[in-house]
Amino acid sequence: MSEPIRPGDLVAQIYDEDFGFRPTNASIKPVHVANGLGRVLLGRSYRSTALAQTLRRWVRNQKVGLDEERHPNQEVLERYGDAFRSVTSDEVDLSRLTSLRALAWDVLGADQGVYENPDTSSYTLANERFLTRDPSDNRCGLFLAQLLTVPSDGPAATRIRELLASATDPWTTLAWPLLTLAEQRVEIPDEMSELGMAELFAHSEIGTLQSPTLRQLRASFDRLAEFEGGEGSKLNALRRLALFGCFAIHVHMCSRWSEVDSQAPRPPIFLDVFDGTRSSLRDTSRATLRAASDAIEGLIAARIRQHLTATIGQDQVDQLLADLDATDPVVRKRYLAHAYDGQVSGLDALTEAILETGIEANRNHPIVFLTELGRRAGYLRPWAQAGRGGRLQKRYGVTAEFLEILVAATVEPDNPLEFPEFLDTLQEVFGIVAGRWEDDTVIRRNNLRPAQFGMPISVAEEDLRMNVEALRQALLHIGYAKSYADGRTIVTTAPETVGVL
C-alpha cells in the first residue's frame, strides 16, 4: 500500500462531502449557526473587542470553581469611556454602568456564546455588526448559505441580508456605541470547502437542486422567509430563520444515506406532542432518534467500505492489517474484536474498526452534535423529566414556537391545507409523523421506506391517535388552524382570511 489509511482524516472527508460541515462540536448552539450563516451571506465580519470585554465582565476560574472579575468598570471606562458618556457630562455613574453591563449580557449574550476573545464569540444576532469570526458552527453557516444561494439567491437569503442591514431594533440600539468601535473585515469562504460541496448542491440547468431533501428544504426556507416579511419583530424573524436552519441540518443529516443509496433506510421523525408524559409515545420518539443515529453511522460505514474496496480491493484486507501492526494498532485491535467469531467478513470488520476510530479521532459522534443543537433549538426534548435521562437522552418534541415555524415553512398563505394534507406534507418534506393509522407501519419498522430498520417498535394505537389529536389541538391553540362544524380543520398562516362556517 502506498498511503496508510488515516481513519480521522477519512471520516472528516466524508463529513465534508456528504454533509457539507463537520458535525463534531458537542457545544454547538443556534447562535453559532446564525453567526456563521450571516457571515457567509454578507461576506464580512467584525472584530468587536469593546463589546466582548464589556459583556464579559466575569470569567470562570475552573481550577477554583469561582468567577473572577476580568474587566472591571474602571478598565472598561478607561478603554471605551466615550461609548458611555453623555453629551452633557463626562461623569459615568458606576452603579448604572454595572446595571447596563448586566442587562447587555442578558440580552446580547443570551445563548452564553460570548467570551473575552471576540473572534470566538457569537452574540444575539440583530445586526451585521454583531457578526464575528467564531468558528464554532464548523461550517454549518456555509452549508446553509449554499442552500439559500445555489444556484441563485432566494427569498430567505435576501430577507436575512435585509434584516441584518437594519439598525432600528432595541438590541442594536443598546450596543451601537460599542459596535461602532468594531473593526470590519472581509470574509472569503474557503474555496476548497465550497468545491467539496459541489456534488452536494448539484443542480439542473434551470436551477433545480438535484437532492430532493435539499430542494424541499430550500423551498421551505424561502416560504418561511416570505412569511417573516411582514411587520413583525425583526429579532423574532431572524431567530425563527436560524432555528429552522438548525432543523434543516438535522433533516439533511438523517436523510442523506437514503439519498445516496436507494436501498438505505430513512428514519421518521416522530413528534411526541404530550411532552413526555406518555411513556409509549416518548419511547417511540426516542427510538426514531436512535434510528437517525444509526442511519448516519450507516452512511459513514458505507462510504468507508466504498473507499476500501476502491483503494485496496476486498482481497487485500490481510495486507492492510499487516501494515496496521506498525501504523495503527488501535484499528487492528478493534478489527480483531469485530472479526473474532467469524460472523462478519474481514472487510466489514475493518470498516467498523475504521468507523469507530475515525469518529473518535473527530472528537464526538455526530448524534451528540445533533442532540445538542436540537436541544437548544427546541425540537429535541428530555426523554425523561427526572434524573440523568433528561440530559443524556432525547426525543422529538414540539413547542409552540417550533410548531409555528413548521406551519410557516409548510403552508402557503394563499393555500391553506386541511389537517390531513398538512400531515402528509410534513411527512413528505421533513419525514415527520404524528401517529395516524397510515403511520403505524412506518413507526413500527422505524423507516419511511418499506423495510424494517433495527428492532420493531411496539406502541399502542390509541396512544398514537391521541397524539394526532393533541397536535391538532396545539395548532388550534396557537391560532394557525380553524375547526369547523363538519369536522374539518384547516391549517393556515393567514387565519384572518379563512371564512367561518
Protein backbone atom coordinates (compact mmCIF):
# COMPACT_ATOMS: atom_id res chain seq x y z
CA MET A 1 0.00 0.00 0.00
CA SER A 2 1.28 3.44 -0.95
CA GLU A 3 -0.59 5.51 1.61
CA PRO A 4 -1.67 4.39 5.10
CA ILE A 5 -5.32 4.88 5.98
CA ARG A 6 -5.88 7.66 8.48
CA PRO A 7 -9.34 6.99 9.99
CA GLY A 8 -9.77 10.52 11.35
CA ASP A 9 -8.98 12.14 8.01
CA LEU A 10 -11.17 9.71 6.11
CA VAL A 11 -14.21 10.31 8.33
CA ALA A 12 -13.63 14.09 8.18
CA GLN A 13 -13.60 13.88 4.39
CA ILE A 14 -16.91 12.00 4.47
CA TYR A 15 -18.37 14.71 6.70
CA ASP A 16 -17.26 17.41 4.27
CA GLU A 17 -18.51 15.71 1.12
CA ASP A 18 -21.78 14.22 2.35
CA PHE A 19 -22.89 16.75 4.95
CA GLY A 20 -21.02 19.92 3.97
CA PHE A 21 -19.84 20.59 7.53
CA ARG A 22 -18.17 18.86 10.48
CA PRO A 23 -20.78 17.53 12.97
CA THR A 24 -18.26 17.31 15.81
CA ASN A 25 -18.91 20.29 18.10
CA ALA A 26 -20.65 19.00 21.22
CA SER A 27 -21.29 22.60 22.35
CA ILE A 28 -22.96 23.79 19.14
CA LYS A 29 -25.67 26.43 19.63
CA PRO A 30 -28.20 28.07 17.29
CA VAL A 31 -26.38 31.38 17.79
CA HIS A 32 -23.25 29.80 16.28
CA VAL A 33 -25.22 28.66 13.24
CA ALA A 34 -26.84 32.09 12.84
CA ASN A 35 -23.47 33.84 13.12
CA GLY A 36 -21.87 31.57 10.54
CA LEU A 37 -24.78 31.94 8.12
CA GLY A 38 -24.82 35.73 8.36
CA ARG A 39 -21.05 35.96 7.95
CA VAL A 40 -21.11 33.95 4.71
CA LEU A 41 -24.19 35.68 3.27
CA LEU A 42 -22.72 39.16 3.84
CA GLY A 43 -19.09 38.28 3.21
CA ARG A 44 -17.83 40.22 6.22
CA SER A 45 -17.40 40.11 9.97
CA TYR A 46 -16.40 42.49 12.76
CA ARG A 47 -13.78 42.31 15.49
CA SER A 48 -15.90 43.62 18.37
CA THR A 49 -13.34 43.72 21.18
CA ALA A 50 -15.08 46.57 23.03
CA LEU A 51 -18.40 44.76 23.08
CA ALA A 52 -16.88 41.43 24.12
CA GLN A 53 -14.95 42.89 27.04
CA THR A 54 -17.90 44.97 28.18
CA LEU A 55 -20.21 41.96 28.21
CA ARG A 56 -17.69 39.50 29.64
CA ARG A 57 -17.03 41.18 32.98
CA TRP A 58 -16.74 37.91 34.90
CA VAL A 59 -14.71 34.87 33.80
CA ARG A 60 -14.90 31.43 35.42
CA ASN A 61 -11.72 30.14 37.06
CA GLN A 62 -12.17 26.42 36.53
CA LYS A 63 -9.43 25.47 38.98
CA VAL A 64 -11.11 27.05 41.99
CA GLY A 65 -14.69 26.99 40.69
CA LEU A 66 -15.22 30.74 41.15
CA ASP A 67 -15.97 33.67 38.88
CA GLU A 68 -13.23 36.28 38.71
CA GLU A 69 -13.67 39.87 37.60
CA ARG A 70 -11.58 40.17 34.45
CA HIS A 71 -12.79 43.51 33.09
CA PRO A 72 -13.90 45.83 35.91
CA ASN A 73 -15.86 49.01 35.29
CA GLN A 74 -12.82 51.24 35.63
CA GLU A 75 -10.93 49.34 32.93
CA VAL A 76 -13.89 49.47 30.56
CA LEU A 77 -14.22 53.24 31.09
CA GLU A 78 -10.52 53.80 30.51
CA ARG A 79 -10.65 51.93 27.20
CA TYR A 80 -14.12 52.74 25.89
CA GLY A 81 -15.33 55.62 28.03
CA ASP A 82 -16.68 57.66 25.09
CA ALA A 83 -19.25 54.94 24.44
CA PHE A 84 -20.83 55.53 27.87
CA ARG A 85 -20.53 59.27 28.48
CA SER A 86 -23.47 61.54 27.72
CA VAL A 87 -23.31 64.76 25.74
CA THR A 88 -23.92 66.78 28.90
CA SER A 89 -21.49 65.13 31.31
CA ASP A 90 -18.16 63.30 31.33
CA GLU A 91 -19.04 61.54 34.58
CA VAL A 92 -20.36 57.97 34.44
CA ASP A 93 -22.42 56.55 37.30
CA LEU A 94 -20.64 53.26 38.10
CA SER A 95 -23.76 51.66 39.59
CA ARG A 96 -25.70 52.42 36.42
CA LEU A 97 -22.82 51.10 34.33
CA THR A 98 -22.93 47.87 36.33
CA SER A 99 -26.66 47.55 35.66
CA LEU A 100 -26.15 48.31 31.97
CA ARG A 101 -23.47 45.64 31.63
CA ALA A 102 -25.66 43.05 33.35
CA LEU A 103 -28.59 43.95 31.09
CA ALA A 104 -26.43 43.82 27.97
CA TRP A 105 -25.04 40.42 28.98
CA ASP A 106 -28.56 39.00 29.42
CA VAL A 107 -29.81 40.46 26.14
CA LEU A 108 -26.83 40.22 23.80
CA GLY A 109 -25.24 37.08 25.20
CA ALA A 110 -28.48 35.19 25.81
CA ASP A 111 -27.12 31.90 24.47
CA GLN A 112 -23.94 32.11 26.59
CA GLY A 113 -21.75 32.32 23.50
CA VAL A 114 -19.72 35.42 24.43
CA TYR A 115 -16.06 35.24 25.53
CA GLU A 116 -13.18 37.67 26.04
CA ASN A 117 -11.92 36.99 22.55
CA PRO A 118 -14.43 38.45 20.07
CA ASP A 119 -13.30 36.03 17.37
CA THR A 120 -14.60 33.11 19.45
CA SER A 121 -17.82 34.90 20.46
CA SER A 122 -21.29 34.74 18.95
CA TYR A 123 -23.79 37.39 20.00
CA THR A 124 -27.55 37.61 19.81
CA LEU A 125 -27.77 38.40 16.11
CA ALA A 126 -29.74 41.58 15.37
CA ASN A 127 -27.45 43.48 13.01
CA GLU A 128 -24.48 42.70 10.78
CA ARG A 129 -22.09 44.40 13.21
CA PHE A 130 -22.67 41.53 15.63
CA LEU A 131 -21.13 39.08 13.12
CA THR A 132 -17.79 37.58 14.18
CA ARG A 133 -15.24 35.02 13.01
CA ASP A 134 -16.35 32.50 15.61
CA PRO A 135 -15.62 29.07 14.00
CA SER A 136 -17.91 27.16 16.39
CA ASP A 137 -20.50 26.46 13.70
CA ASN A 138 -18.00 24.10 11.98
CA ARG A 139 -19.10 25.41 8.56
CA CYS A 140 -22.83 24.90 9.20
CA GLY A 141 -23.28 28.54 8.19
CA LEU A 142 -21.50 27.88 4.90
CA PHE A 143 -23.72 24.86 4.24
CA LEU A 144 -26.91 26.86 4.89
CA ALA A 145 -25.66 29.80 2.83
CA GLN A 146 -25.06 27.42 -0.07
CA LEU A 147 -28.55 26.02 0.42
CA LEU A 148 -30.07 29.51 0.19
CA THR A 149 -27.98 30.85 -2.70
CA VAL A 150 -27.26 27.94 -5.09
CA PRO A 151 -27.68 28.45 -7.96
CA SER A 152 -29.02 31.94 -7.17
CA ASP A 153 -30.24 33.90 -4.16
CA GLY A 154 -33.70 33.07 -2.91
CA PRO A 155 -36.14 34.98 -0.68
CA ALA A 156 -34.51 33.62 2.51
CA ALA A 157 -31.01 34.88 1.61
CA THR A 158 -32.42 38.25 0.58
CA ARG A 159 -34.54 38.56 3.71
CA ILE A 160 -31.68 37.74 6.08
CA ARG A 161 -29.45 40.32 4.42
CA GLU A 162 -32.20 42.95 4.70
CA LEU A 163 -32.77 42.20 8.38
CA LEU A 164 -29.07 42.38 9.21
CA ALA A 165 -28.71 45.69 7.38
CA SER A 166 -31.30 47.34 9.62
CA ALA A 167 -30.18 49.06 12.83
CA THR A 168 -33.55 50.20 14.15
CA ASP A 169 -34.12 47.45 16.71
CA PRO A 170 -33.62 47.85 20.50
CA TRP A 171 -30.77 45.28 20.64
CA THR A 172 -28.66 47.13 18.10
CA THR A 173 -29.50 50.48 19.70
CA LEU A 174 -28.32 49.18 23.08
CA ALA A 175 -24.95 48.07 21.71
CA TRP A 176 -24.44 50.68 18.98
CA PRO A 177 -21.85 52.89 20.76
CA LEU A 178 -19.67 49.79 21.24
CA LEU A 179 -20.44 48.32 17.81
CA THR A 180 -19.13 51.45 16.10
CA LEU A 181 -15.72 50.65 17.60
CA ALA A 182 -15.61 47.25 15.88
CA GLU A 183 -13.19 46.60 13.01
CA GLN A 184 -14.86 45.41 9.80
CA ARG A 185 -13.16 42.58 7.89
CA VAL A 186 -13.82 40.93 4.55
CA GLU A 187 -14.63 37.23 4.77
CA ILE A 188 -13.94 34.97 1.80
CA PRO A 189 -15.27 31.40 2.12
CA ASP A 190 -12.75 28.61 1.81
CA GLU A 191 -12.72 27.64 -1.87
CA MET A 192 -11.87 24.05 -1.04
CA SER A 193 -14.90 23.82 1.25
CA GLU A 194 -17.18 25.13 -1.49
CA LEU A 195 -15.66 22.74 -4.02
CA GLY A 196 -16.20 19.87 -1.61
CA MET A 197 -19.93 20.72 -1.57
CA ALA A 198 -20.24 20.93 -5.35
CA GLU A 199 -21.73 17.45 -5.66
CA LEU A 200 -24.00 18.00 -2.68
CA PHE A 201 -25.51 21.11 -4.29
CA ALA A 202 -25.52 19.88 -7.88
CA HIS A 203 -28.43 21.37 -9.84
CA SER A 204 -30.05 21.25 -13.24
CA GLU A 205 -29.71 23.87 -15.96
CA ILE A 206 -32.92 25.53 -14.79
CA GLY A 207 -31.55 25.85 -11.25
CA THR A 208 -33.32 22.96 -9.51
CA LEU A 209 -31.29 21.20 -6.84
CA GLN A 210 -30.89 17.52 -7.62
CA SER A 211 -31.12 16.44 -3.98
CA PRO A 212 -34.85 16.01 -3.17
CA THR A 213 -34.28 16.76 0.50
CA LEU A 214 -32.25 19.92 -0.11
CA ARG A 215 -34.73 21.03 -2.76
CA GLN A 216 -37.61 20.71 -0.29
CA LEU A 217 -35.65 22.39 2.50
CA ARG A 218 -34.75 25.32 0.23
CA ALA A 219 -38.42 25.80 -0.71
CA SER A 220 -39.45 25.62 2.95
CA PHE A 221 -36.75 28.10 3.96
CA ASP A 222 -37.91 30.57 1.30
CA ARG A 223 -41.55 30.10 2.28
CA LEU A 224 -40.70 30.85 5.92
CA ALA A 225 -38.74 33.96 4.87
CA GLU A 226 -41.69 35.29 2.90
CA PHE A 227 -43.93 34.68 5.91
CA GLU A 228 -41.47 36.62 8.07
CA GLY A 229 -41.50 39.54 5.61
CA GLY A 230 -44.36 41.26 7.39
CA GLU A 231 -44.32 43.83 10.15
CA GLY A 232 -43.38 41.51 12.99
CA SER A 233 -40.36 41.61 15.26
CA LYS A 234 -37.06 41.69 13.42
CA LEU A 235 -35.28 39.59 16.03
CA ASN A 236 -38.09 37.03 16.03
CA ALA A 237 -37.78 36.73 12.26
CA LEU A 238 -34.03 36.17 12.47
CA ARG A 239 -34.48 33.76 15.35
CA ARG A 240 -37.05 31.65 13.52
CA LEU A 241 -34.97 31.51 10.35
CA ALA A 242 -31.95 30.41 12.41
CA LEU A 243 -33.95 27.77 14.31
CA PHE A 244 -35.33 26.40 11.06
CA GLY A 245 -31.77 26.29 9.77
CA CYS A 246 -30.85 24.06 12.72
CA PHE A 247 -33.76 21.75 11.96
CA ALA A 248 -32.83 21.71 8.27
CA ILE A 249 -29.35 20.50 9.26
CA HIS A 250 -30.95 17.70 11.28
CA VAL A 251 -33.26 16.60 8.44
CA HIS A 252 -30.40 16.73 5.93
CA MET A 253 -28.12 14.51 8.02
CA CYS A 254 -30.83 11.96 8.80
CA SER A 255 -31.92 11.60 5.17
CA ARG A 256 -28.53 11.72 3.42
CA TRP A 257 -27.96 7.96 3.38
CA SER A 258 -31.35 7.34 1.77
CA GLU A 259 -30.45 9.81 -0.98
CA VAL A 260 -27.14 8.24 -1.96
CA ASP A 261 -28.46 4.66 -1.71
CA SER A 262 -31.95 3.78 -2.92
CA GLN A 263 -31.98 0.75 -0.60
CA ALA A 264 -30.89 2.61 2.52
CA PRO A 265 -33.42 3.50 5.24
CA ARG A 266 -34.77 6.92 6.10
CA PRO A 267 -35.87 7.07 9.76
CA PRO A 268 -39.05 9.03 10.52
CA ILE A 269 -39.25 11.91 12.98
CA PHE A 270 -41.99 11.04 15.45
CA LEU A 271 -43.20 14.11 17.34
CA ASP A 272 -44.33 13.37 20.88
CA VAL A 273 -46.88 16.14 21.46
CA PHE A 274 -47.56 15.04 25.06
CA ASP A 275 -44.24 16.40 26.36
CA GLY A 276 -43.04 13.01 27.55
CA THR A 277 -45.93 12.27 29.90
CA ARG A 278 -46.99 9.14 27.98
CA SER A 279 -44.25 6.54 28.17
CA SER A 280 -45.19 4.67 24.98
CA LEU A 281 -45.05 7.84 22.90
CA ARG A 282 -41.79 9.13 24.38
CA ASP A 283 -40.16 5.72 23.91
CA THR A 284 -41.32 5.63 20.29
CA SER A 285 -39.98 9.11 19.65
CA ARG A 286 -36.71 8.23 21.33
CA ALA A 287 -36.43 5.12 19.11
CA THR A 288 -36.78 7.20 15.93
CA LEU A 289 -33.99 9.49 17.15
CA ARG A 290 -31.76 6.47 17.80
CA ALA A 291 -32.55 5.30 14.28
CA ALA A 292 -31.34 8.66 12.98
CA SER A 293 -28.01 7.99 14.71
CA ASP A 294 -27.86 4.53 13.16
CA ALA A 295 -28.60 5.95 9.70
CA ILE A 296 -25.78 8.46 10.00
CA GLU A 297 -23.40 5.71 11.06
CA GLY A 298 -24.66 3.57 8.20
CA LEU A 299 -23.78 6.27 5.68
CA ILE A 300 -20.28 6.74 7.10
CA ALA A 301 -19.70 2.98 7.12
CA ALA A 302 -20.91 2.70 3.52
CA ARG A 303 -18.52 5.43 2.42
CA ILE A 304 -15.61 3.78 4.26
CA ARG A 305 -16.43 0.47 2.62
CA GLN A 306 -16.50 2.16 -0.81
CA HIS A 307 -13.14 3.74 -0.09
CA LEU A 308 -11.61 0.44 0.97
CA THR A 309 -12.87 -1.54 -2.00
CA ALA A 310 -11.81 1.19 -4.44
CA THR A 311 -8.39 1.58 -2.82
CA ILE A 312 -7.29 -1.90 -1.86
CA GLY A 313 -9.90 -4.37 -3.07
CA GLN A 314 -11.59 -6.89 -0.83
CA ASP A 315 -8.84 -9.47 -1.35
CA GLN A 316 -6.13 -7.24 0.13
CA VAL A 317 -7.54 -6.79 3.63
CA ASP A 318 -4.89 -9.09 5.13
CA GLN A 319 -2.09 -6.99 3.68
CA LEU A 320 -3.65 -3.84 5.10
CA LEU A 321 -3.91 -5.46 8.52
CA ALA A 322 -0.27 -6.41 8.37
CA ASP A 323 0.58 -2.76 7.69
CA LEU A 324 -1.62 -1.69 10.60
CA ASP A 325 0.64 -3.53 13.02
CA ALA A 326 3.08 -0.66 12.70
CA THR A 327 0.86 2.25 11.62
CA ASP A 328 -2.36 1.96 13.62
CA PRO A 329 -2.55 -0.73 16.32
CA VAL A 330 -5.85 0.73 17.60
CA VAL A 331 -7.61 -0.06 14.32
CA ARG A 332 -6.13 -3.55 14.30
CA LYS A 333 -7.29 -4.20 17.86
CA ARG A 334 -10.81 -3.11 17.01
CA TYR A 335 -10.74 -5.15 13.83
CA LEU A 336 -9.89 -8.28 15.80
CA ALA A 337 -12.73 -7.54 18.23
CA HIS A 338 -15.25 -7.42 15.37
CA ALA A 339 -13.82 -10.37 13.46
CA TYR A 340 -13.08 -12.77 16.31
CA ASP A 341 -16.09 -15.09 15.86
CA GLY A 342 -16.07 -15.13 12.06
CA GLN A 343 -19.63 -13.81 11.77
CA VAL A 344 -18.61 -10.84 9.62
CA SER A 345 -16.27 -10.57 6.66
CA GLY A 346 -12.81 -9.12 7.01
CA LEU A 347 -13.89 -6.07 5.02
CA ASP A 348 -16.88 -5.43 7.27
CA ALA A 349 -14.81 -5.87 10.42
CA LEU A 350 -12.20 -3.46 9.10
CA THR A 351 -14.91 -0.97 8.13
CA GLU A 352 -16.34 -1.00 11.65
CA ALA A 353 -12.86 -0.60 13.16
CA ILE A 354 -12.09 2.43 10.97
CA LEU A 355 -15.57 3.87 11.64
CA GLU A 356 -15.13 3.76 15.41
CA THR A 357 -11.58 5.07 15.31
CA GLY A 358 -12.41 7.82 12.80
CA ILE A 359 -15.37 9.12 14.77
CA GLU A 360 -13.30 9.06 17.95
CA ALA A 361 -10.50 10.98 16.22
CA ASN A 362 -13.01 13.68 15.32
CA ARG A 363 -13.86 14.13 19.00
CA ASN A 364 -17.62 13.44 19.09
CA HIS A 365 -20.22 11.23 17.46
CA PRO A 366 -22.46 13.17 15.02
CA ILE A 367 -25.55 12.36 17.09
CA VAL A 368 -24.01 14.26 20.02
CA PHE A 369 -23.74 17.30 17.74
CA LEU A 370 -27.34 16.89 16.55
CA THR A 371 -28.65 16.31 20.06
CA GLU A 372 -27.03 19.46 21.43
CA LEU A 373 -28.19 21.56 18.50
CA GLY A 374 -31.74 20.18 18.67
CA ARG A 375 -31.91 20.61 22.43
CA ARG A 376 -31.03 24.26 22.20
CA ALA A 377 -33.23 24.85 19.16
CA GLY A 378 -36.24 23.33 20.91
CA TYR A 379 -37.27 20.35 18.77
CA LEU A 380 -35.45 17.78 20.93
CA ARG A 381 -36.81 17.43 24.43
CA PRO A 382 -35.76 15.42 27.50
CA TRP A 383 -36.72 11.75 27.23
CA ALA A 384 -37.33 11.68 31.00
CA GLN A 385 -38.11 14.58 33.29
CA ALA A 386 -36.06 13.35 36.24
CA GLY A 387 -32.52 12.18 36.73
CA ARG A 388 -29.80 11.99 34.08
CA GLY A 389 -32.21 10.74 31.41
CA GLY A 390 -33.30 14.28 30.63
CA ARG A 391 -29.74 15.38 29.94
CA LEU A 392 -28.35 12.39 28.12
CA GLN A 393 -31.36 11.06 26.23
CA LYS A 394 -33.71 13.00 23.99
CA ARG A 395 -36.87 12.57 21.96
CA TYR A 396 -38.56 14.68 19.33
CA GLY A 397 -40.95 17.21 20.84
CA VAL A 398 -42.84 20.25 19.71
CA THR A 399 -43.00 23.68 21.33
CA ALA A 400 -45.46 26.37 20.28
CA GLU A 401 -42.66 28.29 18.56
CA PHE A 402 -41.38 25.25 16.67
CA LEU A 403 -44.92 24.39 15.56
CA GLU A 404 -45.39 27.93 14.24
CA ILE A 405 -42.13 27.59 12.30
CA LEU A 406 -43.27 24.28 10.79
CA VAL A 407 -46.58 25.77 9.69
CA ALA A 408 -44.96 28.87 8.17
CA ALA A 409 -42.38 26.73 6.36
CA THR A 410 -45.00 24.34 5.01
CA VAL A 411 -48.22 26.23 4.23
CA GLU A 412 -48.58 28.97 1.62
CA PRO A 413 -50.58 32.00 2.86
CA ASP A 414 -53.00 31.75 -0.07
CA ASN A 415 -53.26 27.96 0.01
CA PRO A 416 -54.45 26.66 3.39
CA LEU A 417 -54.34 22.91 3.93
CA GLU A 418 -56.78 20.58 5.58
CA PHE A 419 -55.24 18.92 8.62
CA PRO A 420 -54.63 15.52 6.89
CA GLU A 421 -53.00 17.34 3.94
CA PHE A 422 -50.79 19.24 6.37
CA LEU A 423 -49.64 15.97 7.96
CA ASP A 424 -48.98 14.50 4.52
CA THR A 425 -46.79 17.49 3.68
CA LEU A 426 -44.85 17.25 6.96
CA GLN A 427 -44.02 13.63 6.17
CA GLU A 428 -43.12 14.29 2.56
CA VAL A 429 -40.87 17.29 3.27
CA PHE A 430 -39.35 16.56 6.69
CA GLY A 431 -40.13 12.91 7.40
CA ILE A 432 -42.36 13.91 10.34
CA VAL A 433 -45.08 11.52 11.50
CA ALA A 434 -47.61 12.09 14.28
CA GLY A 435 -49.43 8.75 14.65
CA ARG A 436 -52.24 8.44 12.10
CA TRP A 437 -53.34 4.94 11.16
CA GLU A 438 -51.31 5.18 7.93
CA ASP A 439 -48.25 5.97 10.07
CA ASP A 440 -48.48 2.72 12.03
CA THR A 441 -46.31 0.61 9.72
CA VAL A 442 -43.79 3.43 9.27
CA ILE A 443 -43.41 3.80 13.02
CA ARG A 444 -43.18 0.07 13.72
CA ARG A 445 -40.49 -0.53 11.11
CA ASN A 446 -38.76 2.78 12.02
CA ASN A 447 -38.38 3.57 8.36
CA LEU A 448 -40.19 5.76 5.84
CA ARG A 449 -39.19 3.17 3.26
CA PRO A 450 -40.78 -0.31 3.05
CA ALA A 451 -38.21 -2.26 5.06
CA GLN A 452 -37.53 -2.89 8.73
CA PHE A 453 -34.74 -0.77 10.21
CA GLY A 454 -33.48 -2.04 13.52
CA MET A 455 -35.75 -3.58 16.14
CA PRO A 456 -39.54 -3.36 15.60
CA ILE A 457 -41.26 -0.73 17.73
CA SER A 458 -44.33 -1.62 19.78
CA VAL A 459 -46.74 1.20 20.60
CA ALA A 460 -50.45 1.30 21.44
CA GLU A 461 -52.55 2.53 18.53
CA GLU A 462 -54.86 4.50 20.83
CA ASP A 463 -51.86 6.48 22.09
CA LEU A 464 -50.84 7.29 18.53
CA ARG A 465 -54.32 8.59 17.70
CA MET A 466 -54.35 10.69 20.86
CA ASN A 467 -51.02 12.16 19.76
CA VAL A 468 -52.54 13.21 16.42
CA GLU A 469 -55.45 14.86 18.18
CA ALA A 470 -53.08 16.63 20.56
CA LEU A 471 -51.21 18.05 17.57
CA ARG A 472 -54.48 19.27 16.04
CA GLN A 473 -55.42 20.96 19.31
CA ALA A 474 -51.97 22.55 19.53
CA LEU A 475 -52.45 24.07 16.06
CA LEU A 476 -55.81 25.48 17.13
CA HIS A 477 -54.28 26.84 20.33
CA ILE A 478 -51.50 28.79 18.57
CA GLY A 479 -54.03 30.27 16.12
CA TYR A 480 -52.78 28.64 12.92
CA ALA A 481 -55.78 26.38 12.42
CA LYS A 482 -59.56 26.68 12.38
CA SER A 483 -62.04 23.94 13.16
CA TYR A 484 -65.44 23.69 11.51
CA ALA A 485 -68.75 22.08 12.41
CA ASP A 486 -68.37 19.44 9.69
CA GLY A 487 -65.25 18.09 11.43
CA ARG A 488 -62.69 19.67 9.14
CA THR A 489 -59.65 21.51 10.47
CA ILE A 490 -57.91 23.99 8.17
CA VAL A 491 -54.24 24.84 8.77
CA THR A 492 -53.27 28.31 7.58
CA THR A 493 -50.69 31.05 8.09
CA ALA A 494 -53.36 33.68 7.42
CA PRO A 495 -56.27 32.74 9.75
CA GLU A 496 -57.94 36.08 9.24
CA THR A 497 -58.60 35.21 5.58
CA VAL A 498 -60.28 31.86 6.32
CA GLY A 499 -64.01 32.17 6.47
CA VAL A 500 -66.03 30.89 9.41
CA LEU A 501 -68.71 28.33 8.54
